[in-house]
N, C-alpha and C. Protein backbone atom coordinates (compact mmCIF):
# COMPACT_ATOMS: atom_id res chain seq x y z
N MET A 1 26.42 107.02 220.11
CA MET A 1 25.33 106.37 220.33
C MET A 1 24.54 106.41 219.14
N ASN A 2 23.70 105.22 218.81
CA ASN A 2 22.59 104.98 218.01
C ASN A 2 21.34 104.93 218.96
N VAL A 3 20.38 105.76 218.74
CA VAL A 3 18.94 105.44 219.29
C VAL A 3 17.96 105.04 218.24
N ILE A 4 17.62 103.88 218.61
CA ILE A 4 16.32 103.11 217.86
C ILE A 4 15.16 103.27 218.58
N PRO A 5 14.32 103.87 217.84
CA PRO A 5 12.87 103.69 218.70
C PRO A 5 12.20 102.55 218.53
N THR A 6 11.40 102.31 219.27
CA THR A 6 10.46 100.90 219.29
C THR A 6 9.05 101.34 219.09
N HIS A 7 7.90 100.64 218.66
CA HIS A 7 6.70 101.05 218.40
C HIS A 7 6.01 101.84 219.53
N ILE A 8 6.58 101.42 220.98
CA ILE A 8 6.29 102.38 221.92
C ILE A 8 7.33 103.50 222.31
N PRO A 9 6.58 104.81 221.79
CA PRO A 9 7.96 105.67 221.69
C PRO A 9 8.81 106.05 222.94
N ASP A 10 8.27 105.66 224.23
CA ASP A 10 9.08 106.13 225.26
C ASP A 10 10.17 104.87 225.75
N VAL A 11 9.84 103.75 225.00
CA VAL A 11 10.83 102.71 224.97
C VAL A 11 12.08 102.60 224.13
N LEU A 12 13.33 102.71 224.42
CA LEU A 12 14.17 102.86 223.29
C LEU A 12 15.35 101.82 223.45
N ILE A 13 15.92 101.45 222.20
CA ILE A 13 17.19 100.53 222.03
C ILE A 13 18.20 101.59 221.90
N LEU A 14 19.26 101.35 222.41
CA LEU A 14 20.53 101.97 222.53
C LEU A 14 21.85 101.33 222.02
N GLU A 15 22.31 101.53 220.90
CA GLU A 15 23.57 100.80 220.37
C GLU A 15 24.91 101.96 220.34
N PRO A 16 25.67 101.50 221.26
CA PRO A 16 26.82 102.13 221.65
C PRO A 16 27.88 102.26 220.26
N ARG A 17 28.58 103.22 220.24
CA ARG A 17 29.58 103.34 219.11
C ARG A 17 30.85 102.48 219.79
N ILE A 18 31.17 101.29 218.97
CA ILE A 18 32.36 100.57 219.54
C ILE A 18 33.38 100.81 218.88
N PHE A 19 34.41 100.84 219.36
CA PHE A 19 35.79 100.89 219.07
C PHE A 19 36.65 99.72 219.14
N GLY A 20 37.08 98.85 218.15
CA GLY A 20 37.64 97.65 218.39
C GLY A 20 38.70 97.62 217.59
N ASP A 21 39.66 96.44 217.80
CA ASP A 21 40.98 96.24 217.29
C ASP A 21 41.26 94.98 217.40
N ASP A 22 42.35 94.47 217.06
CA ASP A 22 43.01 93.01 217.69
C ASP A 22 43.23 92.82 218.83
N ARG A 23 43.33 94.03 219.89
CA ARG A 23 43.67 93.99 221.09
C ARG A 23 42.00 93.62 221.97
N GLY A 24 40.82 93.74 221.34
CA GLY A 24 39.50 94.07 222.05
C GLY A 24 38.94 95.32 221.56
N PHE A 25 37.92 95.62 222.63
CA PHE A 25 37.17 96.87 222.26
C PHE A 25 37.07 97.69 223.56
N PHE A 26 36.32 98.62 223.00
CA PHE A 26 36.16 99.98 224.11
C PHE A 26 34.94 100.53 223.67
N PHE A 27 33.82 101.02 224.74
CA PHE A 27 32.85 101.76 224.14
C PHE A 27 32.35 102.43 225.76
N GLU A 28 31.72 103.36 225.48
CA GLU A 28 31.12 104.35 226.60
C GLU A 28 29.62 103.54 226.95
N SER A 29 29.48 102.89 228.24
CA SER A 29 28.28 102.11 228.29
C SER A 29 27.04 103.15 228.76
N TYR A 30 27.83 104.25 229.42
CA TYR A 30 26.92 105.47 229.67
C TYR A 30 27.61 106.86 229.71
N ASN A 31 26.73 107.74 229.15
CA ASN A 31 27.33 109.29 229.32
C ASN A 31 26.22 109.97 229.43
N GLU A 32 26.39 110.79 230.46
CA GLU A 32 24.91 111.62 230.64
C GLU A 32 24.71 112.55 229.76
N LYS A 33 25.68 113.21 229.34
CA LYS A 33 25.36 114.32 228.47
C LYS A 33 25.00 113.56 226.99
N SER A 34 25.56 112.62 226.36
CA SER A 34 25.40 112.10 225.31
C SER A 34 23.82 111.41 225.03
N PHE A 35 23.49 110.75 226.53
CA PHE A 35 22.17 110.12 226.55
C PHE A 35 21.32 111.29 226.48
N ALA A 36 21.48 112.21 227.04
CA ALA A 36 20.25 113.30 227.14
C ALA A 36 20.14 113.93 225.65
N GLU A 37 21.22 114.31 225.31
CA GLU A 37 21.19 114.74 223.79
C GLU A 37 20.74 114.01 222.85
N LYS A 38 20.95 112.76 222.88
CA LYS A 38 20.32 111.94 221.64
C LYS A 38 18.80 111.33 222.06
N THR A 39 18.56 111.06 223.48
CA THR A 39 17.07 110.82 223.62
C THR A 39 16.15 111.69 224.04
N GLY A 40 16.64 113.06 224.61
CA GLY A 40 15.86 113.83 225.05
C GLY A 40 15.46 113.81 226.55
N ILE A 41 16.07 112.62 227.14
CA ILE A 41 15.73 112.22 228.57
C ILE A 41 16.93 112.40 229.38
N SER A 42 16.59 112.95 230.71
CA SER A 42 17.68 113.22 231.63
C SER A 42 17.56 112.58 233.00
N PRO A 43 17.72 111.10 232.87
CA PRO A 43 17.61 110.45 234.14
C PRO A 43 18.43 110.37 235.24
N LYS A 44 18.20 110.36 236.38
CA LYS A 44 19.14 110.54 237.62
C LYS A 44 19.10 109.05 238.09
N PHE A 45 20.02 108.46 237.81
CA PHE A 45 20.35 106.92 238.16
C PHE A 45 20.79 107.12 239.73
N VAL A 46 20.21 106.01 240.57
CA VAL A 46 20.60 106.18 241.98
C VAL A 46 21.19 104.80 242.29
N GLN A 47 21.12 103.65 241.48
CA GLN A 47 21.50 102.27 241.90
C GLN A 47 21.82 101.43 240.62
N ASP A 48 22.76 100.70 240.80
CA ASP A 48 23.15 99.85 239.64
C ASP A 48 23.31 98.31 240.22
N ASN A 49 22.32 97.66 239.46
CA ASN A 49 22.26 96.00 239.71
C ASN A 49 22.86 95.26 238.90
N HIS A 50 23.38 93.96 239.35
CA HIS A 50 24.00 93.01 238.49
C HIS A 50 23.46 91.56 238.80
N SER A 51 22.81 90.80 237.87
CA SER A 51 22.39 89.57 238.32
C SER A 51 23.15 88.53 237.30
N LEU A 52 23.28 87.23 237.62
CA LEU A 52 23.50 86.23 236.73
C LEU A 52 22.39 85.03 236.84
N SER A 53 21.98 84.87 235.66
CA SER A 53 21.00 83.68 235.63
C SER A 53 21.38 82.63 234.64
N LEU A 54 20.56 81.61 234.69
CA LEU A 54 21.06 80.38 233.90
C LEU A 54 19.55 80.30 232.55
N ARG A 55 20.13 79.41 231.63
CA ARG A 55 19.19 79.29 230.58
C ARG A 55 17.77 79.09 231.02
N ASN A 56 16.90 79.86 230.33
CA ASN A 56 15.42 79.79 230.70
C ASN A 56 14.87 80.41 231.91
N VAL A 57 15.92 80.85 232.83
CA VAL A 57 15.32 81.74 233.77
C VAL A 57 14.79 83.13 233.43
N LEU A 58 13.39 83.23 233.88
CA LEU A 58 12.65 84.25 233.39
C LEU A 58 12.17 84.84 234.70
N ARG A 59 12.71 86.27 234.79
CA ARG A 59 12.47 87.15 235.76
C ARG A 59 11.57 88.33 235.15
N GLY A 60 10.43 88.21 235.99
CA GLY A 60 9.48 89.40 235.56
C GLY A 60 8.28 88.86 235.65
N LEU A 61 7.04 89.62 235.25
CA LEU A 61 7.29 91.21 234.96
C LEU A 61 7.12 92.07 236.11
N HIS A 62 8.21 92.81 236.59
CA HIS A 62 8.38 93.24 237.65
C HIS A 62 8.08 94.76 237.55
N TYR A 63 7.91 95.66 238.87
CA TYR A 63 7.56 96.93 238.63
C TYR A 63 7.23 97.37 240.21
N GLN A 64 7.34 98.98 240.28
CA GLN A 64 7.26 99.42 242.01
C GLN A 64 6.14 100.28 241.57
N ILE A 65 5.08 100.09 242.27
CA ILE A 65 3.68 100.97 242.11
C ILE A 65 3.82 102.43 242.67
N GLN A 66 4.73 102.33 243.61
CA GLN A 66 5.10 103.86 243.92
C GLN A 66 6.59 103.62 244.08
N GLU A 67 7.02 104.91 243.93
CA GLU A 67 8.65 104.95 243.87
C GLU A 67 8.92 104.38 242.45
N PRO A 68 8.62 104.36 241.43
CA PRO A 68 8.82 103.52 240.37
C PRO A 68 10.29 103.91 239.75
N GLN A 69 10.81 102.75 238.84
CA GLN A 69 11.88 102.99 238.63
C GLN A 69 11.98 102.86 237.10
N GLY A 70 12.72 103.67 236.69
CA GLY A 70 13.44 103.81 235.14
C GLY A 70 14.38 102.84 235.07
N LYS A 71 14.61 102.11 233.85
CA LYS A 71 15.72 101.12 234.22
C LYS A 71 16.67 101.59 232.69
N LEU A 72 18.02 101.27 232.69
CA LEU A 72 18.62 101.37 231.69
C LEU A 72 19.43 99.75 231.67
N VAL A 73 19.16 98.81 230.83
CA VAL A 73 19.68 97.72 231.10
C VAL A 73 20.33 96.97 229.96
N ARG A 74 21.38 96.03 230.08
CA ARG A 74 21.95 95.60 229.46
C ARG A 74 22.42 94.04 229.78
N ALA A 75 23.04 93.36 228.83
CA ALA A 75 23.42 91.84 229.33
C ALA A 75 25.58 92.12 228.86
N VAL A 76 25.94 91.61 229.87
CA VAL A 76 27.53 91.99 229.78
C VAL A 76 28.07 90.53 229.37
N SER A 77 27.38 89.50 229.52
CA SER A 77 27.84 88.09 229.11
C SER A 77 26.37 87.49 228.62
N GLY A 78 26.27 86.40 227.83
CA GLY A 78 25.21 85.80 227.40
C GLY A 78 24.41 86.45 226.58
N GLU A 79 23.08 86.27 226.47
CA GLU A 79 22.03 86.75 225.81
C GLU A 79 20.84 86.62 226.51
N VAL A 80 19.88 87.63 226.40
CA VAL A 80 18.82 87.87 227.10
C VAL A 80 17.69 88.37 225.90
N LEU A 81 16.31 88.01 226.22
CA LEU A 81 15.29 88.77 225.79
C LEU A 81 14.77 89.60 226.63
N ASP A 82 14.75 90.97 226.34
CA ASP A 82 14.26 91.53 227.57
C ASP A 82 12.63 92.38 227.24
N ILE A 83 11.98 92.68 227.94
CA ILE A 83 10.53 92.93 227.76
C ILE A 83 10.07 94.09 228.47
N ALA A 84 9.35 95.05 227.98
CA ALA A 84 8.95 96.23 228.75
C ALA A 84 7.29 96.27 228.40
N VAL A 85 6.52 96.33 229.33
CA VAL A 85 5.10 96.39 229.13
C VAL A 85 4.47 97.62 229.70
N ASP A 86 3.92 98.50 228.87
CA ASP A 86 3.28 99.82 229.21
C ASP A 86 2.26 99.51 230.19
N ILE A 87 2.49 100.04 231.63
CA ILE A 87 0.99 99.79 232.26
C ILE A 87 0.56 101.01 233.05
N ARG A 88 0.76 101.89 232.07
CA ARG A 88 0.16 103.36 232.21
C ARG A 88 -1.23 103.62 231.66
N ARG A 89 -2.52 103.37 232.46
CA ARG A 89 -3.90 103.26 231.91
C ARG A 89 -3.88 104.56 230.88
N SER A 90 -3.39 105.78 231.07
CA SER A 90 -3.64 106.95 230.31
C SER A 90 -2.70 106.78 228.99
N SER A 91 -1.90 105.73 228.61
CA SER A 91 -1.08 105.84 227.39
C SER A 91 -1.68 105.30 226.30
N PRO A 92 -1.52 105.88 225.24
CA PRO A 92 -1.96 105.13 224.09
C PRO A 92 -1.33 103.72 223.73
N THR A 93 -0.37 103.40 224.46
CA THR A 93 0.39 102.29 224.46
C THR A 93 -0.12 101.38 225.53
N PHE A 94 -0.98 101.39 226.10
CA PHE A 94 -1.28 100.99 227.29
C PHE A 94 -1.69 99.42 227.31
N GLY A 95 -1.09 98.63 227.89
CA GLY A 95 -1.30 96.98 227.80
C GLY A 95 -0.38 96.56 226.33
N GLN A 96 0.53 97.33 225.95
CA GLN A 96 1.32 96.80 224.76
C GLN A 96 2.72 96.46 225.28
N TRP A 97 3.66 95.46 224.84
CA TRP A 97 4.84 95.22 224.99
C TRP A 97 5.88 95.47 223.96
N ALA A 98 7.03 95.93 224.30
CA ALA A 98 8.13 95.67 223.29
C ALA A 98 9.16 95.02 223.84
N SER A 99 10.17 94.40 223.21
CA SER A 99 11.29 93.52 223.58
C SER A 99 12.49 93.84 222.73
N CYS A 100 13.58 93.45 223.26
CA CYS A 100 15.01 93.81 222.69
C CYS A 100 15.67 92.53 222.95
N LEU A 101 16.70 91.97 221.87
CA LEU A 101 17.56 91.00 222.26
C LEU A 101 18.67 91.80 222.60
N LEU A 102 19.29 91.52 223.93
CA LEU A 102 20.46 92.02 224.42
C LEU A 102 21.54 90.92 224.74
N SER A 103 22.87 91.40 224.22
CA SER A 103 23.71 90.28 224.68
C SER A 103 24.99 91.10 224.43
N ALA A 104 26.00 89.99 225.09
CA ALA A 104 27.41 90.56 224.98
C ALA A 104 27.93 90.97 223.91
N GLU A 105 27.54 90.26 222.77
CA GLU A 105 27.98 90.47 221.53
C GLU A 105 27.58 91.84 220.88
N ASN A 106 26.02 92.12 220.90
CA ASN A 106 25.54 93.32 220.38
C ASN A 106 25.74 94.51 220.93
N LYS A 107 25.85 94.41 222.58
CA LYS A 107 26.12 95.29 223.54
C LYS A 107 24.98 96.57 223.33
N ARG A 108 23.93 95.95 222.94
CA ARG A 108 22.90 96.90 223.01
C ARG A 108 22.06 96.99 224.42
N GLN A 109 21.73 98.35 224.63
CA GLN A 109 21.17 98.69 226.02
C GLN A 109 19.60 98.95 225.74
N PHE A 110 18.61 98.80 226.83
CA PHE A 110 17.22 99.29 226.55
C PHE A 110 16.80 100.03 227.65
N TRP A 111 16.26 101.00 227.11
CA TRP A 111 15.77 102.31 228.05
C TRP A 111 14.25 101.63 228.43
N ILE A 112 13.93 101.68 229.68
CA ILE A 112 12.51 101.32 230.15
C ILE A 112 12.27 102.20 231.07
N PRO A 113 11.36 103.21 230.67
CA PRO A 113 10.93 104.25 231.75
C PRO A 113 10.00 104.03 232.80
N GLU A 114 9.80 104.81 233.64
CA GLU A 114 8.82 104.71 234.63
C GLU A 114 7.66 104.40 234.12
N GLY A 115 6.70 103.79 234.92
CA GLY A 115 5.50 103.32 234.42
C GLY A 115 5.42 102.10 233.78
N PHE A 116 6.44 101.40 233.49
CA PHE A 116 6.48 100.07 232.75
C PHE A 116 6.90 98.86 233.68
N ALA A 117 6.23 97.69 233.52
CA ALA A 117 6.83 96.63 233.98
C ALA A 117 7.91 96.02 232.94
N HIS A 118 8.60 95.29 233.89
CA HIS A 118 10.18 94.73 232.98
C HIS A 118 10.23 93.33 233.32
N GLY A 119 10.54 92.44 232.40
CA GLY A 119 11.02 91.21 232.69
C GLY A 119 12.21 90.84 231.48
N PHE A 120 12.79 89.76 231.76
CA PHE A 120 13.48 89.21 230.77
C PHE A 120 13.78 87.71 230.88
N VAL A 121 14.24 87.11 229.66
CA VAL A 121 14.39 85.56 230.06
C VAL A 121 15.86 85.35 229.26
N VAL A 122 16.58 84.31 229.90
CA VAL A 122 18.09 83.97 229.25
C VAL A 122 18.12 83.04 228.35
N LEU A 123 18.41 83.18 227.06
CA LEU A 123 18.39 82.36 225.83
C LEU A 123 19.63 81.75 225.80
N SER A 124 20.53 82.11 226.70
CA SER A 124 22.12 81.28 226.58
C SER A 124 22.26 80.32 227.63
N ASP A 125 23.21 79.93 227.65
CA ASP A 125 23.38 78.97 228.82
C ASP A 125 23.47 79.72 230.27
N SER A 126 24.09 80.96 230.20
CA SER A 126 23.91 81.66 231.30
C SER A 126 23.89 83.29 230.78
N ALA A 127 23.55 84.07 231.45
CA ALA A 127 23.66 85.69 231.26
C ALA A 127 23.90 86.43 232.43
N GLU A 128 24.87 87.41 232.27
CA GLU A 128 25.00 88.42 233.13
C GLU A 128 24.33 89.69 232.85
N PHE A 129 23.50 90.34 233.57
CA PHE A 129 22.58 91.42 233.24
C PHE A 129 22.98 92.34 234.26
N LEU A 130 23.12 93.72 233.85
CA LEU A 130 23.14 94.82 234.43
C LEU A 130 22.28 95.86 234.19
N TYR A 131 21.92 96.47 235.26
CA TYR A 131 20.82 97.67 235.17
C TYR A 131 20.91 98.70 236.18
N LYS A 132 20.90 99.92 235.46
CA LYS A 132 20.97 101.26 236.29
C LYS A 132 19.17 101.65 236.58
N THR A 133 19.05 102.35 237.85
CA THR A 133 17.48 102.41 238.13
C THR A 133 17.48 103.91 238.55
N THR A 134 16.37 104.46 238.26
CA THR A 134 16.10 106.01 238.46
C THR A 134 15.45 106.02 240.02
N ASN A 135 15.32 104.86 240.81
CA ASN A 135 14.89 105.13 242.08
C ASN A 135 15.38 103.77 242.67
N TYR A 136 15.27 103.83 244.25
CA TYR A 136 15.67 102.83 244.98
C TYR A 136 14.96 101.61 244.99
N TYR A 137 15.25 100.35 245.16
CA TYR A 137 14.37 99.16 245.38
C TYR A 137 13.53 99.34 246.96
N ALA A 138 12.42 99.57 246.40
CA ALA A 138 11.08 99.40 247.71
C ALA A 138 10.25 98.33 247.70
N PRO A 139 10.99 97.27 248.40
CA PRO A 139 10.16 96.14 248.30
C PRO A 139 8.63 96.27 248.74
N GLN A 140 8.26 97.12 249.27
CA GLN A 140 6.92 97.30 249.94
C GLN A 140 5.97 97.82 248.69
N TYR A 141 6.52 98.17 247.68
CA TYR A 141 5.84 98.65 246.64
C TYR A 141 5.98 97.79 245.53
N ASP A 142 6.79 96.55 245.63
CA ASP A 142 7.35 95.97 244.56
C ASP A 142 5.98 95.08 244.26
N ARG A 143 5.55 95.07 242.93
CA ARG A 143 4.55 94.29 242.26
C ARG A 143 5.08 93.29 241.10
N VAL A 144 4.33 92.40 240.82
CA VAL A 144 4.45 91.18 239.87
C VAL A 144 3.45 91.02 238.93
N ILE A 145 3.44 90.99 237.41
CA ILE A 145 2.36 90.57 236.56
C ILE A 145 2.88 89.20 236.14
N LEU A 146 1.95 88.18 235.94
CA LEU A 146 2.17 87.13 235.36
C LEU A 146 2.90 87.01 234.25
N TRP A 147 3.78 86.66 234.13
CA TRP A 147 4.73 86.66 232.66
C TRP A 147 3.94 86.15 231.70
N ASN A 148 2.84 85.01 231.56
CA ASN A 148 2.20 84.60 230.63
C ASN A 148 0.95 85.00 230.64
N ASP A 149 0.65 86.21 231.19
CA ASP A 149 -0.75 86.55 231.20
C ASP A 149 -1.38 86.81 229.47
N PRO A 150 -2.63 86.07 229.32
CA PRO A 150 -2.99 85.93 228.24
C PRO A 150 -3.42 87.26 227.55
N ASP A 151 -3.81 88.09 228.49
CA ASP A 151 -4.21 89.66 227.94
C ASP A 151 -2.74 90.23 227.42
N LEU A 152 -1.86 89.97 227.60
CA LEU A 152 -0.65 90.67 227.26
C LEU A 152 -0.11 89.95 226.03
N GLY A 153 -0.06 88.73 226.05
CA GLY A 153 0.48 87.78 225.01
C GLY A 153 1.76 87.83 224.56
N VAL A 154 2.71 88.08 225.69
CA VAL A 154 4.17 88.32 225.61
C VAL A 154 4.71 86.98 224.75
N ASP A 155 5.49 87.32 223.50
CA ASP A 155 6.34 86.26 223.12
C ASP A 155 7.60 86.19 223.73
N TRP A 156 7.89 85.32 224.65
CA TRP A 156 9.22 84.95 225.21
C TRP A 156 10.15 84.48 224.67
N GLN A 157 9.83 83.66 223.36
CA GLN A 157 10.87 82.95 222.63
C GLN A 157 11.45 81.72 223.47
N LEU A 158 10.76 81.29 224.27
CA LEU A 158 11.23 80.36 225.34
C LEU A 158 11.27 78.90 224.30
N LYS A 159 12.43 78.25 224.64
CA LYS A 159 12.53 76.78 224.28
C LYS A 159 12.59 76.01 225.38
N GLY A 160 11.50 75.54 225.85
CA GLY A 160 11.57 74.93 227.16
C GLY A 160 10.54 75.62 228.11
N GLU A 161 10.61 74.88 229.35
CA GLU A 161 9.72 75.62 230.36
C GLU A 161 10.69 76.46 231.05
N PRO A 162 10.03 77.70 231.70
CA PRO A 162 10.72 78.83 232.22
C PRO A 162 11.20 78.35 233.58
N ILE A 163 12.16 78.62 234.11
CA ILE A 163 12.39 78.51 235.58
C ILE A 163 12.10 80.16 236.23
N LEU A 164 11.27 80.02 237.23
CA LEU A 164 10.47 80.88 237.92
C LEU A 164 10.96 81.17 239.26
N SER A 165 10.94 82.16 240.07
CA SER A 165 10.76 82.34 241.42
C SER A 165 9.38 82.12 241.96
N ALA A 166 9.34 81.68 243.25
CA ALA A 166 8.00 81.73 244.01
C ALA A 166 7.42 83.14 243.73
N LYS A 167 7.98 84.31 243.64
CA LYS A 167 7.49 85.66 243.61
C LYS A 167 6.79 85.62 242.13
N ASP A 168 7.41 85.19 241.30
CA ASP A 168 7.17 85.57 239.94
C ASP A 168 5.84 84.58 239.49
N GLN A 169 5.99 83.22 240.01
CA GLN A 169 4.81 82.28 240.05
C GLN A 169 3.60 83.04 240.59
N ALA A 170 3.74 83.60 241.61
CA ALA A 170 2.48 84.05 242.30
C ALA A 170 2.19 85.48 241.78
N GLY A 171 2.67 85.87 240.58
CA GLY A 171 2.33 87.22 239.99
C GLY A 171 0.74 87.24 239.67
N LYS A 172 0.29 88.59 239.58
CA LYS A 172 -1.14 88.83 239.30
C LYS A 172 -1.45 88.74 237.87
N CYS A 173 -2.87 88.53 237.22
CA CYS A 173 -2.86 88.67 236.11
C CYS A 173 -3.24 90.35 235.93
N PHE A 174 -2.79 90.72 234.56
CA PHE A 174 -2.98 91.92 234.48
C PHE A 174 -4.21 92.73 234.31
N LYS A 175 -5.50 92.28 234.59
CA LYS A 175 -6.62 92.72 234.77
C LYS A 175 -6.85 93.08 236.17
N GLU A 176 -6.10 92.35 237.17
CA GLU A 176 -6.21 92.48 238.41
C GLU A 176 -4.98 93.29 239.19
N ALA A 177 -4.08 93.31 238.39
CA ALA A 177 -2.62 94.24 238.99
C ALA A 177 -3.11 95.65 239.21
N ASP A 178 -2.19 96.30 240.35
CA ASP A 178 -1.87 97.59 240.48
C ASP A 178 -1.46 98.13 239.44
N LEU A 179 -1.94 99.32 238.60
CA LEU A 179 -1.53 99.72 237.58
C LEU A 179 -1.08 101.23 237.69
N PHE A 180 -0.42 101.98 236.83
CA PHE A 180 -0.28 103.47 236.93
C PHE A 180 -1.58 104.23 236.15
N ASP A 181 -2.00 105.33 236.52
CA ASP A 181 -3.04 106.19 236.02
C ASP A 181 -2.38 106.40 234.83
């Protein structure tokens, strides 16, 4: 596994070692020991999630204000642009965002630690998205920051209008959102 740092030191891009031949390919999508050795992080994953979304579906920016979740995310079909926003007031990168293009082809993963809002947009006709979380979903603590908040200025690389859930349409502005200390 190759670990690629982003400009936000806690957010990492992971490239697996892929073994391929004319029959197909094999790779370890997660190995606890290797992950800890290469990143210095030892998360305890408690839940796996799997979603299917169509082109221009934008999900985010989501987080849990209590019982926060670290996430290890990847696309197993299609292509998504994944976004992590630092919402820790005490962080030197507070209010900054990092992105990673995740696809079935590049097999990259994106590590988003606790204290970040997370979202993605589908760039292909459809995409299946998998993610491991370090805490269980707790709807009472679920929060959403508006995907197009001008203070954040996230470049979603959209080609057309995003398709949003009612929850994502009702997200709060970054200045008004519940954030981490």
